[in-house]
Protein backbone atom coordinates (compact mmCIF):
# COMPACT_ATOMS: atom_id res chain seq x y z
CA MET A 1 108.71 173.28 176.66
CA PRO A 2 109.84 176.20 178.84
CA GLN A 3 109.75 179.51 176.93
CA GLY A 4 108.81 177.60 173.77
CA LYS A 5 112.11 175.74 173.62
CA PRO A 6 112.24 171.96 173.11
CA LEU A 7 113.70 169.95 175.97
CA THR A 8 115.88 167.89 173.63
CA VAL A 9 117.49 168.47 170.23
CA PRO A 10 117.58 165.30 168.11
CA ASP A 11 120.72 164.33 166.24
CA ASP A 12 118.84 163.89 162.96
CA GLY A 13 120.99 165.97 160.60
CA SER A 14 118.27 168.62 160.25
CA THR A 15 118.72 172.30 160.96
CA THR A 16 116.62 174.09 163.57
CA ARG A 17 114.72 175.79 160.74
CA GLN A 18 114.03 172.49 158.99
CA ARG A 19 112.69 170.91 162.17
CA ARG A 20 110.59 173.99 162.95
CA ASN A 21 108.95 173.93 159.51
CA ARG A 22 108.29 170.18 159.40
CA PRO A 23 104.65 169.53 158.43
CA LEU A 24 102.60 168.09 161.27
CA LEU A 25 99.96 165.40 161.55
CA MET A 26 97.79 166.37 164.52
CA VAL A 27 95.00 164.45 166.27
CA HIS A 28 92.39 165.93 168.61
CA THR A 29 90.60 163.08 170.37
CA GLY A 30 89.01 162.16 173.71
CA ASN A 31 85.52 162.38 175.21
CA GLY A 32 85.69 166.04 176.19
CA LYS A 33 84.32 169.10 174.42
CA GLY A 34 86.58 171.23 172.22
CA LYS A 35 88.24 168.96 169.64
CA SER A 36 86.79 170.64 166.56
CA THR A 37 86.80 174.06 168.21
CA ALA A 38 90.55 173.82 168.77
CA ALA A 39 91.10 172.75 165.16
CA PHE A 40 89.10 175.70 163.82
CA GLY A 41 91.06 178.03 166.08
CA MET A 42 94.24 176.74 164.44
CA ALA A 43 92.63 177.35 161.06
CA MET A 44 92.20 181.02 161.97
CA ARG A 45 95.88 181.21 162.87
CA ALA A 46 96.75 179.57 159.56
CA TRP A 47 94.51 182.00 157.65
CA ASN A 48 96.36 184.88 159.29
CA GLN A 49 99.61 183.43 157.92
CA GLY A 50 98.15 183.36 154.41
CA TRP A 51 97.80 179.58 154.25
CA ASP A 52 95.39 177.75 151.97
CA ILE A 53 92.87 175.95 154.20
CA GLY A 54 90.63 172.99 153.41
CA VAL A 55 87.98 171.90 155.94
CA PHE A 56 86.30 168.54 155.39
CA GLN A 57 83.44 167.60 157.74
CA PHE A 58 82.70 163.90 157.53
CA VAL A 59 79.55 163.24 159.53
CA LYS A 60 77.79 166.45 160.57
CA SER A 61 74.47 167.24 158.95
CA ALA A 62 74.61 169.15 155.69
CA LYS A 63 71.67 171.20 157.02
CA TRP A 64 73.48 172.29 160.20
CA ARG A 65 75.79 175.27 159.89
CA ILE A 66 78.22 175.84 162.73
CA GLY A 67 79.49 179.30 163.60
CA GLU A 68 83.08 178.53 162.64
CA GLN A 69 81.97 177.72 159.10
CA THR A 70 80.42 181.17 158.69
CA VAL A 71 83.51 182.88 160.11
CA LEU A 72 86.05 180.93 158.05
CA GLU A 73 84.05 181.26 154.82
CA ARG A 74 83.82 185.01 155.35
CA LEU A 75 87.56 185.11 155.92
CA GLY A 76 87.97 183.23 152.65
CA LEU A 77 85.77 185.82 150.93
CA LEU A 78 87.84 188.60 152.49
CA HIS A 79 90.93 186.98 151.00
CA GLU A 80 89.30 186.92 147.56
CA GLN A 81 88.32 190.58 147.84
CA THR A 82 91.44 192.06 149.42
CA GLY A 83 94.23 189.45 149.31
CA GLU A 84 94.39 189.44 153.10
CA GLY A 85 94.93 186.08 154.78
CA GLY A 86 94.52 182.90 152.75
CA PRO A 87 91.87 181.02 150.73
CA VAL A 88 89.36 178.80 152.55
CA GLU A 89 87.26 175.88 151.33
CA TRP A 90 84.64 174.13 153.48
CA HIS A 91 83.19 170.78 152.40
CA LYS A 92 80.58 168.57 154.07
CA MET A 93 81.19 164.96 153.18
CA GLY A 94 78.15 163.27 154.72
CA SER A 95 74.60 163.87 155.80
CA GLY A 96 74.34 161.92 159.06
CA TRP A 97 74.99 162.77 162.67
CA SER A 98 77.90 161.06 164.37
CA TRP A 99 75.75 160.05 167.35
CA SER A 100 72.40 159.24 165.70
CA ARG A 101 72.90 158.71 161.95
CA LYS A 102 69.20 159.32 161.39
CA SER A 103 69.32 160.63 157.82
CA GLY A 104 69.95 158.10 155.04
CA THR A 105 71.14 154.53 155.29
CA GLU A 106 74.46 153.32 156.62
CA ALA A 107 75.44 152.38 153.06
CA ASP A 108 74.75 155.97 152.00
CA HIS A 109 76.94 157.33 154.78
CA ALA A 110 79.69 154.84 154.05
CA ALA A 111 79.69 155.82 150.38
CA ASP A 112 79.77 159.53 151.28
CA ALA A 113 82.69 158.98 153.64
CA ALA A 114 84.62 156.89 151.12
CA GLU A 115 84.18 159.48 148.38
CA GLY A 116 85.07 162.26 150.80
CA TRP A 117 88.30 160.50 151.75
CA ALA A 118 89.07 159.82 148.07
CA GLU A 119 88.74 163.56 147.38
CA VAL A 120 91.02 164.41 150.31
CA LYS A 121 93.59 161.92 148.98
CA ARG A 122 93.47 163.54 145.55
CA ARG A 123 94.05 166.95 147.07
CA ILE A 124 96.92 165.72 149.23
CA GLN A 125 98.67 164.20 146.24
CA ALA A 126 98.16 167.48 144.37
CA LYS A 127 99.42 169.46 147.40
CA ARG A 128 96.23 171.52 147.18
CA HIS A 129 96.09 172.93 150.73
CA GLN A 130 98.56 173.88 153.42
CA LEU A 131 96.19 172.96 156.27
CA TYR A 132 93.59 170.19 156.16
CA ILE A 133 91.00 169.80 158.91
CA LEU A 134 89.40 166.35 158.73
CA ASP A 135 86.61 166.99 161.21
CA GLU A 136 85.06 163.97 162.96
CA PHE A 137 87.09 161.72 160.67
CA THR A 138 87.76 159.19 163.42
CA TYR A 139 84.16 157.95 163.15
CA PRO A 140 84.26 156.72 159.52
CA MET A 141 87.42 154.84 160.49
CA GLN A 142 85.73 153.30 163.56
CA TRP A 143 82.70 152.22 161.54
CA GLY A 144 84.82 150.62 158.80
CA TRP A 145 83.73 153.09 156.14
CA VAL A 146 87.33 154.16 155.52
CA ASP A 147 90.40 151.92 155.81
CA VAL A 148 92.62 153.04 158.71
CA GLY A 149 95.76 151.61 157.12
CA ASP A 150 95.15 153.61 153.95
CA VAL A 151 94.56 156.78 155.96
CA VAL A 152 97.76 156.39 157.96
CA GLU A 153 99.83 155.51 154.90
CA THR A 154 98.48 158.50 152.97
CA LEU A 155 98.92 160.99 155.78
CA VAL A 156 102.39 159.83 156.83
CA HIS A 157 103.73 159.94 153.27
CA ARG A 158 101.96 163.10 152.11
CA PRO A 159 104.18 165.21 149.83
CA GLY A 160 105.34 168.77 150.39
CA ARG A 161 104.52 170.87 153.43
CA GLN A 162 100.91 169.99 154.27
CA HIS A 163 99.61 170.08 157.84
CA VAL A 164 96.68 167.84 158.79
CA ILE A 165 94.36 167.87 161.81
CA VAL A 166 92.05 164.90 162.48
CA THR A 167 89.31 165.30 165.09
CA GLY A 168 86.94 162.87 166.78
CA ARG A 169 86.59 160.48 169.69
CA ARG A 170 88.36 157.14 170.01
CA ALA A 171 91.12 157.76 167.50
CA ASP A 172 92.64 154.50 166.25
CA HIS A 173 95.94 153.63 167.95
CA ARG A 174 97.66 153.46 164.55
CA LEU A 175 96.69 157.05 163.81
CA ILE A 176 97.85 158.15 167.26
CA GLU A 177 101.20 156.41 166.81
CA ALA A 178 101.72 158.05 163.41
CA ALA A 179 100.77 161.56 164.57
CA ASP A 180 103.25 164.26 165.59
CA LEU A 181 100.88 166.00 168.01
CA VAL A 182 98.05 164.32 169.90
CA THR A 183 95.73 166.12 172.30
CA GLU A 184 93.14 164.25 174.34
CA MET A 185 90.20 166.31 175.55
CA GLN A 186 89.07 164.87 178.89
CA HIS A 187 85.49 165.11 180.08
CA VAL A 188 85.55 166.49 183.62
CA LYS A 189 82.22 168.36 183.75
CA HIS A 190 79.66 169.41 181.15
CA PRO A 191 76.28 171.14 181.39
CA MET A 192 74.66 168.16 179.66
CA ASP A 193 75.59 166.08 182.74
CA VAL A 194 72.83 167.94 184.60
CA GLY A 195 70.34 168.01 181.74
CA GLN A 196 71.23 171.29 180.05
CA LYS A 197 71.09 171.21 176.25
CA GLY A 198 73.55 172.94 173.94
CA GLN A 199 73.15 176.67 173.42
CA ARG A 200 73.93 179.29 170.82
CA GLY A 201 77.41 180.74 170.99
CA ILE A 202 78.72 177.76 172.97
CA GLU A 203 77.90 174.66 170.88
CA TRP A 204 77.25 176.44 167.57
């Protein structure tokens, strides 16, 4: 897209403005670092535009607070106090880690994920938010806790102008096919490859 201009203009009967403002379904997947980070960066852009933002974390520990949560919640508070930016909600849908699932049983996690997705569906039908971040949502789909067909159907036919970002590794091919924007983060090098653990300010 040289200078931000599309290479082709479809003959779809829509105006340039209509195509520009079309709500997007976005997927951040792949084995590399940065999928959630990129989504939260987009949330900050959306906040600056005054959008209503809903973040839904599906598998991170309820006890673990990432830096972006603190920043976005404070931006939401700033909106409440001054009217600047937009409202922000942050919800943690499960209590287990995506890579260990130590806390609780698999049935507990599955029930948490199913209820979390049911709540997201209710909000989508109500056109509650302008931007949804479904963080690490690919994992409940992989593990069979949430039906992929239902997710795709709901997201493709969502009403109004609601943007959605789904993050996580190994996104289902049906979700990728339905999405408007797909980014794959590739693992080239990472400090963990040479035994270095995550650190403050980089991983959280």
